């Protein structure tokens, strides 16, 4: 049975976008166009966090900037946004957490941005997913905007024979040595054609968008 909490310690509230104030200091930089494109495609999924002590944004400055820019450009309101009676955008935010002081707030803000990427990627599963996207949903693959050299580095960690359909698919992925030369790479030519990456899962040649 689900218990109903009268005053939950964390809750979602909708605030006017114009009332979502930034923190006084925020060292994180953002690829604004990529955030705008992601929100336009998928909607606002990861919502900003507000610090109850300062009433400013703790986490989500890039999403805040992207939404402001989308509104300025006259773009459609993405899913997850509510339109008020005056046409303003109401943004869902996570509330209920209060910092002890500025140092506490800034330390958590750095952790929320930094820690999710610290675990890295499972090269085997990543190769499978990238292959599925590249061959089945190229628009979604392009929206990842992963530079081709980064894809090559990630996929180069996987022995293709350990992927599904390979002769050693039950084994864990094997890391390639730095001098391995068994992967095809096509560099940009004089006419500026984009470089390509070869997926180790099936040898499919695809173009990274960035």
C-alpha atoms as a PDB file:
ATOM      1  CA  UNK A   1       0.000   0.000   0.000  1.00  0.00           C
ATOM      2  CA  UNK A   2       1.305   3.451  -0.901  1.00  0.00           C
ATOM      3  CA  UNK A   3       1.476   5.853   2.021  1.00  0.00           C
ATOM      4  CA  UNK A   4       0.397   9.438   1.414  1.00  0.00           C
ATOM      5  CA  UNK A   5       2.744  12.052   2.887  1.00  0.00           C
ATOM      6  CA  UNK A   6       0.989  15.277   3.838  1.00  0.00           C
ATOM      7  CA  UNK A   7       4.107  17.429   3.564  1.00  0.00           C
ATOM      8  CA  UNK A   8       6.678  15.640   1.389  1.00  0.00           C
ATOM      9  CA  UNK A   9      10.294  16.702   1.915  1.00  0.00           C
ATOM     10  CA  UNK A  10      10.768  16.948  -1.846  1.00  0.00           C
ATOM     11  CA  UNK A  11       8.050  18.008  -4.253  1.00  0.00           C
ATOM     12  CA  UNK A  12       7.504  19.403  -7.733  1.00  0.00           C
ATOM     13  CA  UNK A  13       6.080  22.886  -8.179  1.00  0.00           C
ATOM     14  CA  UNK A  14       5.450  24.970 -11.290  1.00  0.00           C
ATOM     15  CA  UNK A  15       7.114  28.389 -11.287  1.00  0.00           C
ATOM     16  CA  UNK A  16       7.023  31.152 -13.905  1.00  0.00           C
ATOM     17  CA  UNK A  17      10.159  30.935 -16.013  1.00  0.00           C
ATOM     18  CA  UNK A  18      10.759  34.623 -15.289  1.00  0.00           C
ATOM     19  CA  UNK A  19      10.854  33.845 -11.540  1.00  0.00           C
ATOM     20  CA  UNK A  20      13.498  31.124 -11.864  1.00  0.00           C
ATOM     21  CA  UNK A  21      16.577  33.068 -10.783  1.00  0.00           C
ATOM     22  CA  UNK A  22      20.163  31.871 -11.389  1.00  0.00           C
ATOM     23  CA  UNK A  23      22.668  31.365  -8.593  1.00  0.00           C
ATOM     24  CA  UNK A  24      25.098  34.218  -8.022  1.00  0.00           C
ATOM     25  CA  UNK A  25      28.000  31.967  -9.117  1.00  0.00           C
ATOM     26  CA  UNK A  26      27.803  29.065 -11.542  1.00  0.00           C
ATOM     27  CA  UNK A  27      31.064  27.759 -13.083  1.00  0.00           C
ATOM     28  CA  UNK A  28      29.359  25.214 -15.359  1.00  0.00           C
ATOM     29  CA  UNK A  29      29.389  26.032 -19.065  1.00  0.00           C
ATOM     30  CA  UNK A  30      26.693  24.817 -21.440  1.00  0.00           C
ATOM     31  CA  UNK A  31      26.286  23.852 -25.072  1.00  0.00           C
ATOM     32  CA  UNK A  32      23.095  25.875 -25.310  1.00  0.00           C
ATOM     33  CA  UNK A  33      22.099  24.816 -28.836  1.00  0.00           C
ATOM     34  CA  UNK A  34      22.396  21.135 -27.936  1.00  0.00           C
ATOM     35  CA  UNK A  35      20.234  21.633 -24.845  1.00  0.00           C
ATOM     36  CA  UNK A  36      17.641  23.537 -26.881  1.00  0.00           C
ATOM     37  CA  UNK A  37      17.565  20.795 -29.518  1.00  0.00           C
ATOM     38  CA  UNK A  38      17.204  18.087 -26.858  1.00  0.00           C
ATOM     39  CA  UNK A  39      14.375  19.857 -25.049  1.00  0.00           C
ATOM     40  CA  UNK A  40      12.621  20.556 -28.345  1.00  0.00           C
ATOM     41  CA  UNK A  41      12.863  16.879 -29.315  1.00  0.00           C
ATOM     42  CA  UNK A  42      12.144  15.154 -25.989  1.00  0.00           C
ATOM     43  CA  UNK A  43      10.521  17.842 -23.848  1.00  0.00           C
ATOM     44  CA  UNK A  44      11.723  19.035 -20.447  1.00  0.00           C
ATOM     45  CA  UNK A  45      12.529  15.772 -18.653  1.00  0.00           C
ATOM     46  CA  UNK A  46      15.197  16.599 -16.079  1.00  0.00           C
ATOM     47  CA  UNK A  47      13.762  19.507 -14.122  1.00  0.00           C
ATOM     48  CA  UNK A  48      15.692  22.325 -12.407  1.00  0.00           C
ATOM     49  CA  UNK A  49      16.293  22.275  -8.652  1.00  0.00           C
ATOM     50  CA  UNK A  50      15.656  25.297  -6.442  1.00  0.00           C
ATOM     51  CA  UNK A  51      17.527  25.990  -3.199  1.00  0.00           C
ATOM     52  CA  UNK A  52      14.926  26.912  -0.595  1.00  0.00           C
ATOM     53  CA  UNK A  53      17.411  29.002   1.392  1.00  0.00           C
ATOM     54  CA  UNK A  54      18.369  31.310  -1.465  1.00  0.00           C
ATOM     55  CA  UNK A  55      15.307  30.815  -3.686  1.00  0.00           C
ATOM     56  CA  UNK A  56      17.666  30.530  -6.652  1.00  0.00           C
ATOM     57  CA  UNK A  57      18.498  27.765  -9.122  1.00  0.00           C
ATOM     58  CA  UNK A  58      20.773  25.137  -7.623  1.00  0.00           C
ATOM     59  CA  UNK A  59      20.890  22.786 -10.610  1.00  0.00           C
ATOM     60  CA  UNK A  60      19.563  23.327 -14.127  1.00  0.00           C
ATOM     61  CA  UNK A  61      21.061  26.630 -15.252  1.00  0.00           C
ATOM     62  CA  UNK A  62      21.545  25.325 -18.780  1.00  0.00           C
ATOM     63  CA  UNK A  63      17.933  24.223 -19.026  1.00  0.00           C
ATOM     64  CA  UNK A  64      16.826  27.597 -17.650  1.00  0.00           C
ATOM     65  CA  UNK A  65      18.892  29.459 -20.262  1.00  0.00           C
ATOM     66  CA  UNK A  66      17.663  27.158 -23.022  1.00  0.00           C
ATOM     67  CA  UNK A  67      14.001  27.690 -22.131  1.00  0.00           C
ATOM     68  CA  UNK A  68      14.454  31.467 -22.018  1.00  0.00           C
ATOM     69  CA  UNK A  69      16.119  31.393 -25.451  1.00  0.00           C
ATOM     70  CA  UNK A  70      13.399  29.133 -26.865  1.00  0.00           C
ATOM     71  CA  UNK A  71      10.749  31.571 -25.684  1.00  0.00           C
ATOM     72  CA  UNK A  72      12.660  34.549 -27.120  1.00  0.00           C
ATOM     73  CA  UNK A  73      12.901  32.761 -30.488  1.00  0.00           C
ATOM     74  CA  UNK A  74       9.174  32.134 -30.499  1.00  0.00           C
ATOM     75  CA  UNK A  75       9.591  28.370 -30.428  1.00  0.00           C
ATOM     76  CA  UNK A  76       6.784  26.128 -29.287  1.00  0.00           C
ATOM     77  CA  UNK A  77       6.521  25.405 -25.592  1.00  0.00           C
ATOM     78  CA  UNK A  78       8.066  21.949 -25.062  1.00  0.00           C
ATOM     79  CA  UNK A  79       6.212  19.155 -23.338  1.00  0.00           C
ATOM     80  CA  UNK A  80       6.498  19.453 -19.582  1.00  0.00           C
ATOM     81  CA  UNK A  81       5.885  23.213 -19.682  1.00  0.00           C
ATOM     82  CA  UNK A  82       2.510  24.652 -18.685  1.00  0.00           C
ATOM     83  CA  UNK A  83       1.201  27.832 -20.313  1.00  0.00           C
ATOM     84  CA  UNK A  84      -0.497  30.289 -17.941  1.00  0.00           C
ATOM     85  CA  UNK A  85      -3.431  32.537 -18.824  1.00  0.00           C
ATOM     86  CA  UNK A  86      -1.071  35.306 -19.964  1.00  0.00           C
ATOM     87  CA  UNK A  87       0.930  33.033 -22.242  1.00  0.00           C
ATOM     88  CA  UNK A  88       3.861  32.722 -19.841  1.00  0.00           C
ATOM     89  CA  UNK A  89       5.765  29.496 -19.380  1.00  0.00           C
ATOM     90  CA  UNK A  90       5.465  27.672 -16.066  1.00  0.00           C
ATOM     91  CA  UNK A  91       8.444  25.411 -15.381  1.00  0.00           C
ATOM     92  CA  UNK A  92       8.362  22.334 -13.136  1.00  0.00           C
ATOM     93  CA  UNK A  93      11.096  22.521 -10.501  1.00  0.00           C
ATOM     94  CA  UNK A  94      12.168  20.275  -7.647  1.00  0.00           C
ATOM     95  CA  UNK A  95      11.724  21.959  -4.285  1.00  0.00           C
ATOM     96  CA  UNK A  96      12.245  21.106  -0.636  1.00  0.00           C
ATOM     97  CA  UNK A  97      16.040  21.110  -0.290  1.00  0.00           C
ATOM     98  CA  UNK A  98      17.730  23.977   1.554  1.00  0.00           C
ATOM     99  CA  UNK A  99      21.465  24.599   1.736  1.00  0.00           C
ATOM    100  CA  UNK A 100      23.156  25.398   5.048  1.00  0.00           C
ATOM    101  CA  UNK A 101      25.220  28.181   3.503  1.00  0.00           C
ATOM    102  CA  UNK A 102      26.687  29.284   0.164  1.00  0.00           C
ATOM    103  CA  UNK A 103      29.550  26.779   0.355  1.00  0.00           C
ATOM    104  CA  UNK A 104      27.106  23.904   0.879  1.00  0.00           C
ATOM    105  CA  UNK A 105      25.023  25.022  -2.101  1.00  0.00           C
ATOM    106  CA  UNK A 106      28.001  25.441  -4.412  1.00  0.00           C
ATOM    107  CA  UNK A 107      29.532  22.106  -3.425  1.00  0.00           C
ATOM    108  CA  UNK A 108      26.284  20.269  -4.175  1.00  0.00           C
ATOM    109  CA  UNK A 109      25.849  22.157  -7.462  1.00  0.00           C
ATOM    110  CA  UNK A 110      29.273  20.937  -8.594  1.00  0.00           C
ATOM    111  CA  UNK A 111      28.497  17.361  -7.507  1.00  0.00           C
ATOM    112  CA  UNK A 112      25.162  17.305  -9.354  1.00  0.00           C
ATOM    113  CA  UNK A 113      26.941  18.301 -12.560  1.00  0.00           C
ATOM    114  CA  UNK A 114      30.105  16.239 -12.143  1.00  0.00           C
ATOM    115  CA  UNK A 115      29.216  12.930 -10.486  1.00  0.00           C
ATOM    116  CA  UNK A 116      26.793  11.493 -13.114  1.00  0.00           C
ATOM    117  CA  UNK A 117      29.602  11.263 -15.669  1.00  0.00           C
ATOM    118  CA  UNK A 118      32.224   9.822 -13.350  1.00  0.00           C
ATOM    119  CA  UNK A 119      31.206   6.198 -13.877  1.00  0.00           C
ATOM    120  CA  UNK A 120      32.004   6.254 -17.580  1.00  0.00           C
ATOM    121  CA  UNK A 121      30.329   3.902 -20.064  1.00  0.00           C
ATOM    122  CA  UNK A 122      30.058   0.163 -20.478  1.00  0.00           C
ATOM    123  CA  UNK A 123      31.727  -0.152 -23.909  1.00  0.00           C
ATOM    124  CA  UNK A 124      29.840  -3.305 -24.896  1.00  0.00           C
ATOM    125  CA  UNK A 125      26.364  -1.946 -24.177  1.00  0.00           C
ATOM    126  CA  UNK A 126      27.224   1.467 -25.581  1.00  0.00           C
ATOM    127  CA  UNK A 127      28.397  -0.099 -28.851  1.00  0.00           C
ATOM    128  CA  UNK A 128      25.143  -2.059 -29.127  1.00  0.00           C
ATOM    129  CA  UNK A 129      22.982   1.009 -28.466  1.00  0.00           C
ATOM    130  CA  UNK A 130      24.924   3.237 -30.863  1.00  0.00           C
ATOM    131  CA  UNK A 131      24.647   0.582 -33.549  1.00  0.00           C
ATOM    132  CA  UNK A 132      20.886   0.268 -33.019  1.00  0.00           C
ATOM    133  CA  UNK A 133      20.446   4.042 -33.186  1.00  0.00           C
ATOM    134  CA  UNK A 134      22.738   4.518 -36.179  1.00  0.00           C
ATOM    135  CA  UNK A 135      20.957   1.858 -38.244  1.00  0.00           C
ATOM    136  CA  UNK A 136      17.390   2.168 -36.963  1.00  0.00           C
ATOM    137  CA  UNK A 137      16.902   5.747 -35.779  1.00  0.00           C
ATOM    138  CA  UNK A 138      19.511   7.926 -37.535  1.00  0.00           C
ATOM    139  CA  UNK A 139      17.816  11.173 -36.455  1.00  0.00           C
ATOM    140  CA  UNK A 140      18.119  10.172 -32.813  1.00  0.00           C
ATOM    141  CA  UNK A 141      21.702   9.048 -33.390  1.00  0.00           C
ATOM    142  CA  UNK A 142      22.578  12.414 -34.944  1.00  0.00           C
ATOM    143  CA  UNK A 143      20.932  14.205 -32.020  1.00  0.00           C
ATOM    144  CA  UNK A 144      23.526  12.670 -29.685  1.00  0.00           C
ATOM    145  CA  UNK A 145      26.051  15.043 -31.312  1.00  0.00           C
ATOM    146  CA  UNK A 146      28.990  12.872 -30.274  1.00  0.00           C
ATOM    147  CA  UNK A 147      32.175  13.831 -32.163  1.00  0.00           C
ATOM    148  CA  UNK A 148      33.328  11.063 -34.493  1.00  0.00           C
ATOM    149  CA  UNK A 149      36.739  10.781 -32.832  1.00  0.00           C
ATOM    150  CA  UNK A 150      35.064  10.265 -29.453  1.00  0.00           C
ATOM    151  CA  UNK A 151      32.867   7.522 -30.918  1.00  0.00           C
ATOM    152  CA  UNK A 152      35.942   5.884 -32.407  1.00  0.00           C
ATOM    153  CA  UNK A 153      37.670   5.923 -29.024  1.00  0.00           C
ATOM    154  CA  UNK A 154      34.663   4.414 -27.259  1.00  0.00           C
ATOM    155  CA  UNK A 155      33.939   1.762 -29.865  1.00  0.00           C
ATOM    156  CA  UNK A 156      37.627   0.978 -30.195  1.00  0.00           C
ATOM    157  CA  UNK A 157      37.548  -0.476 -26.690  1.00  0.00           C
ATOM    158  CA  UNK A 158      35.286  -3.324 -27.812  1.00  0.00           C
ATOM    159  CA  UNK A 159      36.395  -6.518 -29.495  1.00  0.00           C
ATOM    160  CA  UNK A 160      33.650  -7.031 -32.116  1.00  0.00           C
ATOM    161  CA  UNK A 161      33.783 -10.814 -31.626  1.00  0.00           C
ATOM    162  CA  UNK A 162      32.465 -10.360 -28.068  1.00  0.00           C
ATOM    163  CA  UNK A 163      29.361  -8.458 -29.216  1.00  0.00           C
ATOM    164  CA  UNK A 164      26.007 -10.167 -29.935  1.00  0.00           C
ATOM    165  CA  UNK A 165      26.455 -12.433 -32.935  1.00  0.00           C
ATOM    166  CA  UNK A 166      30.200 -12.665 -32.448  1.00  0.00           C
ATOM    167  CA  UNK A 167      31.947 -15.964 -31.956  1.00  0.00           C
ATOM    168  CA  UNK A 168      32.837 -15.042 -28.357  1.00  0.00           C
ATOM    169  CA  UNK A 169      29.717 -13.088 -27.405  1.00  0.00           C
ATOM    170  CA  UNK A 170      29.558 -14.680 -23.936  1.00  0.00           C
ATOM    171  CA  UNK A 171      32.921 -13.222 -22.991  1.00  0.00           C
ATOM    172  CA  UNK A 172      33.357  -9.758 -21.507  1.00  0.00           C
ATOM    173  CA  UNK A 173      34.458  -7.062 -23.986  1.00  0.00           C
ATOM    174  CA  UNK A 174      38.192  -7.004 -24.644  1.00  0.00           C
ATOM    175  CA  UNK A 175      40.078  -3.711 -24.726  1.00  0.00           C
ATOM    176  CA  UNK A 176      42.076  -3.030 -27.867  1.00  0.00           C
ATOM    177  CA  UNK A 177      45.748  -2.227 -27.501  1.00  0.00           C
ATOM    178  CA  UNK A 178      46.868   1.253 -28.600  1.00  0.00           C
ATOM    179  CA  UNK A 179      48.584  -0.130 -31.723  1.00  0.00           C
ATOM    180  CA  UNK A 180      45.576  -2.106 -32.935  1.00  0.00           C
ATOM    181  CA  UNK A 181      44.984  -1.187 -36.542  1.00  0.00           C
ATOM    182  CA  UNK A 182      41.953  -3.281 -37.410  1.00  0.00           C
ATOM    183  CA  UNK A 183      39.399  -0.478 -37.469  1.00  0.00           C
ATOM    184  CA  UNK A 184      38.569   1.437 -40.637  1.00  0.00           C
ATOM    185  CA  UNK A 185      38.667   5.200 -40.397  1.00  0.00           C
ATOM    186  CA  UNK A 186      37.834   7.673 -43.142  1.00  0.00           C
ATOM    187  CA  UNK A 187      39.193  11.144 -42.517  1.00  0.00           C
ATOM    188  CA  UNK A 188      37.698  14.315 -43.988  1.00  0.00           C
ATOM    189  CA  UNK A 189      38.889  14.813 -47.547  1.00  0.00           C
ATOM    190  CA  UNK A 190      39.764  18.035 -49.350  1.00  0.00           C
ATOM    191  CA  UNK A 191      36.095  18.676 -50.107  1.00  0.00           C
ATOM    192  CA  UNK A 192      35.214  18.653 -46.415  1.00  0.00           C
ATOM    193  CA  UNK A 193      33.164  15.470 -46.292  1.00  0.00           C
ATOM    194  CA  UNK A 194      32.477  14.342 -42.750  1.00  0.00           C
ATOM    195  CA  UNK A 195      34.572  11.655 -41.123  1.00  0.00           C
ATOM    196  CA  UNK A 196      32.967   8.265 -40.489  1.00  0.00           C
ATOM    197  CA  UNK A 197      33.040   5.688 -37.735  1.00  0.00           C
ATOM    198  CA  UNK A 198      32.761   1.930 -38.055  1.00  0.00           C
ATOM    199  CA  UNK A 199      30.642   0.130 -35.476  1.00  0.00           C
ATOM    200  CA  UNK A 200      32.322  -3.024 -34.177  1.00  0.00           C
ATOM    201  CA  UNK A 201      28.952  -4.722 -33.784  1.00  0.00           C
ATOM    202  CA  UNK A 202      28.367  -5.200 -37.501  1.00  0.00           C
ATOM    203  CA  UNK A 203      30.862  -3.103 -39.423  1.00  0.00           C
ATOM    204  CA  UNK A 204      28.195  -0.508 -40.266  1.00  0.00           C
ATOM    205  CA  UNK A 205      29.773   2.760 -41.432  1.00  0.00           C
ATOM    206  CA  UNK A 206      28.024   5.842 -40.072  1.00  0.00           C
ATOM    207  CA  UNK A 207      28.662   9.559 -39.881  1.00  0.00           C
ATOM    208  CA  UNK A 208      28.769  11.366 -36.539  1.00  0.00           C
ATOM    209  CA  UNK A 209      27.003  14.696 -36.658  1.00  0.00           C
ATOM    210  CA  UNK A 210      29.679  16.629 -34.803  1.00  0.00           C
END
